[in-house]
N, C-alpha and C. Protein backbone atom coordinates (compact mmCIF):
# COMPACT_ATOMS: atom_id res chain seq x y z
N MET A 1 156.23 21.20 91.70
CA MET A 1 156.59 22.17 92.74
C MET A 1 155.38 23.17 92.83
N GLN A 2 154.86 23.22 94.05
CA GLN A 2 153.64 24.06 94.34
C GLN A 2 154.14 25.46 94.94
N THR A 3 153.81 26.48 94.30
CA THR A 3 154.23 27.79 94.67
C THR A 3 152.93 28.60 95.24
N THR A 4 153.23 29.42 96.30
CA THR A 4 152.24 30.25 96.85
C THR A 4 152.32 31.60 96.34
N ASN A 5 151.24 32.14 95.88
CA ASN A 5 151.26 33.49 95.37
C ASN A 5 151.31 34.53 96.51
N PHE A 6 152.48 35.17 96.63
CA PHE A 6 152.58 36.10 97.76
C PHE A 6 151.70 37.23 97.66
N ILE A 7 151.42 37.71 96.48
CA ILE A 7 150.58 38.93 96.31
C ILE A 7 149.17 38.57 96.72
N ASP A 8 148.66 37.36 96.52
CA ASP A 8 147.25 36.92 97.02
C ASP A 8 147.17 37.05 98.49
N LYS A 9 148.28 36.66 99.23
CA LYS A 9 148.16 36.68 100.66
C LYS A 9 148.23 38.09 101.13
N MET A 10 148.88 38.97 100.39
CA MET A 10 148.98 40.39 100.84
C MET A 10 147.76 41.25 100.48
N THR A 11 146.87 40.77 99.66
CA THR A 11 145.68 41.48 99.26
C THR A 11 144.71 41.54 100.41
N PRO A 12 144.38 42.77 100.86
CA PRO A 12 143.42 42.91 102.02
C PRO A 12 142.10 42.30 101.68
N THR A 13 141.50 41.70 102.60
CA THR A 13 140.14 41.25 102.48
C THR A 13 139.20 42.14 103.18
N LYS A 14 137.88 42.26 102.59
CA LYS A 14 136.95 43.13 103.16
C LYS A 14 136.37 42.56 104.39
N VAL A 15 136.36 43.23 105.47
CA VAL A 15 135.72 42.85 106.70
C VAL A 15 134.68 43.75 107.17
N SER A 16 133.52 43.33 107.55
CA SER A 16 132.46 44.18 108.04
C SER A 16 132.92 44.82 109.26
N PRO A 17 132.34 46.09 109.46
CA PRO A 17 132.66 46.85 110.68
C PRO A 17 132.30 46.06 111.95
N GLY A 18 131.22 45.33 111.99
CA GLY A 18 130.81 44.51 113.10
C GLY A 18 131.81 43.43 113.34
N LYS A 19 132.34 42.74 112.38
CA LYS A 19 133.34 41.67 112.47
C LYS A 19 134.62 42.31 113.02
N ALA A 20 135.00 43.43 112.38
CA ALA A 20 136.20 44.11 112.82
C ALA A 20 136.21 44.47 114.35
N GLN A 21 135.02 44.98 114.71
CA GLN A 21 134.82 45.40 116.11
C GLN A 21 134.90 44.24 117.03
N GLN A 22 134.29 43.07 116.56
CA GLN A 22 134.37 41.89 117.38
C GLN A 22 135.66 41.29 117.51
N GLU A 23 136.53 41.38 116.46
CA GLU A 23 137.92 40.81 116.49
C GLU A 23 138.70 41.76 117.30
N PHE A 24 138.55 43.04 117.30
CA PHE A 24 139.35 43.93 118.09
C PHE A 24 138.99 43.68 119.53
N ALA A 25 137.71 43.54 119.84
CA ALA A 25 137.32 43.29 121.24
C ALA A 25 137.91 41.98 121.80
N GLN A 26 137.94 40.93 120.92
CA GLN A 26 138.52 39.66 121.38
C GLN A 26 140.07 39.86 121.63
N SER A 27 140.73 40.60 120.73
CA SER A 27 142.11 40.86 120.82
C SER A 27 142.40 41.64 122.19
N LEU A 28 141.59 42.64 122.40
CA LEU A 28 141.82 43.48 123.55
C LEU A 28 141.57 42.56 124.87
N LYS A 29 140.56 41.72 124.86
CA LYS A 29 140.17 40.92 125.91
C LYS A 29 141.40 39.92 126.19
N GLY A 30 141.91 39.34 125.11
CA GLY A 30 142.98 38.46 125.35
C GLY A 30 144.24 39.16 125.94
N ALA A 31 144.47 40.37 125.49
CA ALA A 31 145.62 41.02 126.09
C ALA A 31 145.46 41.36 127.57
N ILE A 32 144.21 41.74 127.88
CA ILE A 32 143.92 42.05 129.29
C ILE A 32 144.05 40.82 130.19
N GLU A 33 143.54 39.65 129.61
CA GLU A 33 143.70 38.40 130.30
C GLU A 33 145.17 38.03 130.62
N LYS A 34 146.03 38.23 129.52
CA LYS A 34 147.47 37.94 129.78
C LYS A 34 148.08 38.88 130.78
N LEU A 35 147.67 40.13 130.75
CA LEU A 35 148.16 41.09 131.80
C LEU A 35 147.69 40.64 133.15
N ASN A 36 146.52 40.22 133.29
CA ASN A 36 146.01 39.79 134.59
C ASN A 36 146.79 38.54 135.08
N GLU A 37 146.99 37.62 134.14
CA GLU A 37 147.64 36.39 134.44
C GLU A 37 149.05 36.68 134.96
N ALA A 38 149.80 37.62 134.31
CA ALA A 38 151.13 37.95 134.72
C ALA A 38 151.07 38.50 136.07
N GLN A 39 150.05 39.41 136.40
CA GLN A 39 149.99 39.94 137.67
C GLN A 39 149.74 38.90 138.81
N VAL A 40 148.84 37.98 138.49
CA VAL A 40 148.48 36.94 139.41
C VAL A 40 149.72 36.03 139.71
N VAL A 41 150.39 35.58 138.74
CA VAL A 41 151.53 34.82 138.94
C VAL A 41 152.63 35.45 139.73
N SER A 42 152.84 36.69 139.48
CA SER A 42 153.75 37.50 140.32
C SER A 42 153.30 37.61 141.70
N ASP A 43 152.03 37.91 142.01
CA ASP A 43 151.44 37.99 143.28
C ASP A 43 151.65 36.54 144.08
N LYS A 44 151.31 35.48 143.46
CA LYS A 44 151.37 34.23 144.13
C LYS A 44 152.82 33.87 144.42
N LYS A 45 153.79 34.20 143.54
CA LYS A 45 155.20 33.87 143.80
C LYS A 45 155.72 34.75 144.95
N THR A 46 155.26 35.90 144.96
CA THR A 46 155.68 36.93 146.01
C THR A 46 155.17 36.36 147.40
N GLN A 47 153.91 36.04 147.45
CA GLN A 47 153.40 35.48 148.68
C GLN A 47 154.01 34.24 149.12
N ALA A 48 154.33 33.34 148.20
CA ALA A 48 155.10 32.09 148.48
C ALA A 48 156.36 32.29 149.05
N LEU A 49 157.09 33.30 148.45
CA LEU A 49 158.44 33.66 149.03
C LEU A 49 158.33 34.20 150.35
N ALA A 50 157.26 35.14 150.65
CA ALA A 50 157.17 35.57 151.92
C ALA A 50 156.75 34.60 153.07
N LYS A 51 156.08 33.51 152.62
CA LYS A 51 155.77 32.45 153.53
C LYS A 51 156.86 31.42 153.71
N GLY A 52 157.85 31.55 152.92
CA GLY A 52 158.98 30.64 152.92
C GLY A 52 158.69 29.35 152.18
N GLU A 53 157.71 29.36 151.35
CA GLU A 53 157.36 28.13 150.49
C GLU A 53 158.32 27.96 149.33
N ILE A 54 158.89 29.02 148.89
CA ILE A 54 159.85 28.85 147.83
C ILE A 54 161.06 29.81 148.16
N THR A 55 162.19 29.36 147.74
CA THR A 55 163.40 30.23 148.06
C THR A 55 164.09 30.75 146.82
N ASP A 56 163.64 30.53 145.66
CA ASP A 56 164.23 30.98 144.44
C ASP A 56 163.82 32.44 144.23
N LEU A 57 164.61 33.34 144.83
CA LEU A 57 164.41 34.83 144.65
C LEU A 57 164.42 35.20 143.20
N ASP A 58 165.34 34.70 142.36
CA ASP A 58 165.56 35.07 141.04
C ASP A 58 164.17 34.82 140.27
N ASP A 59 163.52 33.76 140.47
CA ASP A 59 162.23 33.38 139.77
C ASP A 59 161.22 34.39 140.25
N VAL A 60 161.08 34.79 141.49
CA VAL A 60 160.11 35.76 141.98
C VAL A 60 160.44 37.09 141.33
N MET A 61 161.60 37.52 141.29
CA MET A 61 162.11 38.82 140.69
C MET A 61 161.70 38.90 139.22
N ILE A 62 161.98 37.81 138.57
CA ILE A 62 161.76 37.77 137.06
C ILE A 62 160.19 37.92 136.84
N ALA A 63 159.44 37.21 137.58
CA ALA A 63 157.98 37.18 137.52
C ALA A 63 157.49 38.55 137.78
N ALA A 64 157.95 39.24 138.84
CA ALA A 64 157.63 40.60 139.13
C ALA A 64 157.91 41.59 138.05
N GLN A 65 159.10 41.40 137.49
CA GLN A 65 159.59 42.23 136.46
C GLN A 65 158.69 42.10 135.15
N LYS A 66 158.40 40.88 134.83
CA LYS A 66 157.50 40.61 133.70
C LYS A 66 156.18 41.21 133.83
N ALA A 67 155.66 41.14 135.03
CA ALA A 67 154.34 41.75 135.38
C ALA A 67 154.42 43.29 135.21
N SER A 68 155.47 43.84 135.73
CA SER A 68 155.68 45.22 135.70
C SER A 68 155.80 45.78 134.24
N ILE A 69 156.64 45.05 133.50
CA ILE A 69 156.78 45.50 132.10
C ILE A 69 155.44 45.30 131.29
N THR A 70 154.73 44.19 131.55
CA THR A 70 153.46 44.09 130.89
C THR A 70 152.46 45.22 131.24
N LEU A 71 152.48 45.61 132.51
CA LEU A 71 151.54 46.65 132.91
C LEU A 71 152.02 47.99 132.31
N GLN A 72 153.27 48.28 132.31
CA GLN A 72 153.75 49.45 131.71
C GLN A 72 153.40 49.54 130.20
N THR A 73 153.51 48.38 129.47
CA THR A 73 153.19 48.39 128.08
C THR A 73 151.73 48.60 127.87
N ALA A 74 150.83 48.02 128.72
CA ALA A 74 149.38 48.20 128.60
C ALA A 74 149.02 49.69 128.87
N VAL A 75 149.72 50.25 129.80
CA VAL A 75 149.31 51.74 130.16
C VAL A 75 149.81 52.61 128.90
N GLU A 76 150.89 52.28 128.30
CA GLU A 76 151.46 53.03 127.20
C GLU A 76 150.51 52.88 126.01
N VAL A 77 150.10 51.71 125.77
CA VAL A 77 149.14 51.42 124.64
C VAL A 77 147.88 52.20 124.85
N GLN A 78 147.44 52.10 126.05
CA GLN A 78 146.15 52.91 126.43
C GLN A 78 146.37 54.38 126.16
N ARG A 79 147.47 54.94 126.50
CA ARG A 79 147.78 56.30 126.38
C ARG A 79 147.77 56.64 124.87
N LYS A 80 148.42 55.83 124.08
CA LYS A 80 148.47 56.03 122.70
C LYS A 80 147.05 55.97 122.04
N ALA A 81 146.26 55.04 122.49
CA ALA A 81 144.90 54.94 121.95
C ALA A 81 144.08 56.13 122.28
N ILE A 82 144.23 56.60 123.45
CA ILE A 82 143.51 57.87 123.83
C ILE A 82 143.99 59.04 123.02
N ASP A 83 145.31 59.09 122.81
CA ASP A 83 145.83 60.19 122.05
C ASP A 83 145.33 60.15 120.57
N ALA A 84 145.27 58.90 120.07
CA ALA A 84 144.73 58.73 118.61
C ALA A 84 143.26 59.14 118.60
N TYR A 85 142.45 58.71 119.63
CA TYR A 85 141.07 59.04 119.66
C TYR A 85 140.88 60.55 119.73
N ASN A 86 141.62 61.27 120.52
CA ASN A 86 141.53 62.72 120.73
C ASN A 86 141.92 63.40 119.36
N GLU A 87 142.96 62.82 118.73
CA GLU A 87 143.25 63.38 117.37
C GLU A 87 142.27 63.33 116.40
N ILE A 88 141.54 62.13 116.38
CA ILE A 88 140.49 61.98 115.46
C ILE A 88 139.33 62.83 115.75
N MET A 89 139.05 63.01 117.04
CA MET A 89 137.99 63.98 117.38
C MET A 89 138.25 65.40 117.06
N ARG A 90 139.51 65.80 116.92
CA ARG A 90 139.86 67.17 116.51
C ARG A 90 139.77 67.36 115.05
N MET A 91 139.79 66.28 114.29
CA MET A 91 139.72 66.44 112.80
C MET A 91 138.46 67.06 112.40
N GLN A 92 138.64 67.94 111.37
CA GLN A 92 137.33 68.49 110.89
C GLN A 92 136.96 67.78 109.62
N VAL A 93 135.74 67.48 109.61
CA VAL A 93 135.20 66.69 108.51
C VAL A 93 134.46 67.48 107.48
């Protein structure tokens, strides 16, 4: 029976500042791409509904609500990041 050492997996590994910055940038880029994708899907479905190409109002409303919630979440995360940055700038070193 092979066991995995849980403590070894929880031990933090050292990451260079450059690599951490690159990983953060990639993560942020991915989140923005998903936000944009949700907005585009919502816009396309809304336009198709307006043109009469689709009749499933529920699907259009769900897509619009997903896009709205995604945008609200992104705005809130941005606000929190700015607040954290301002707090760090006020710290005395």
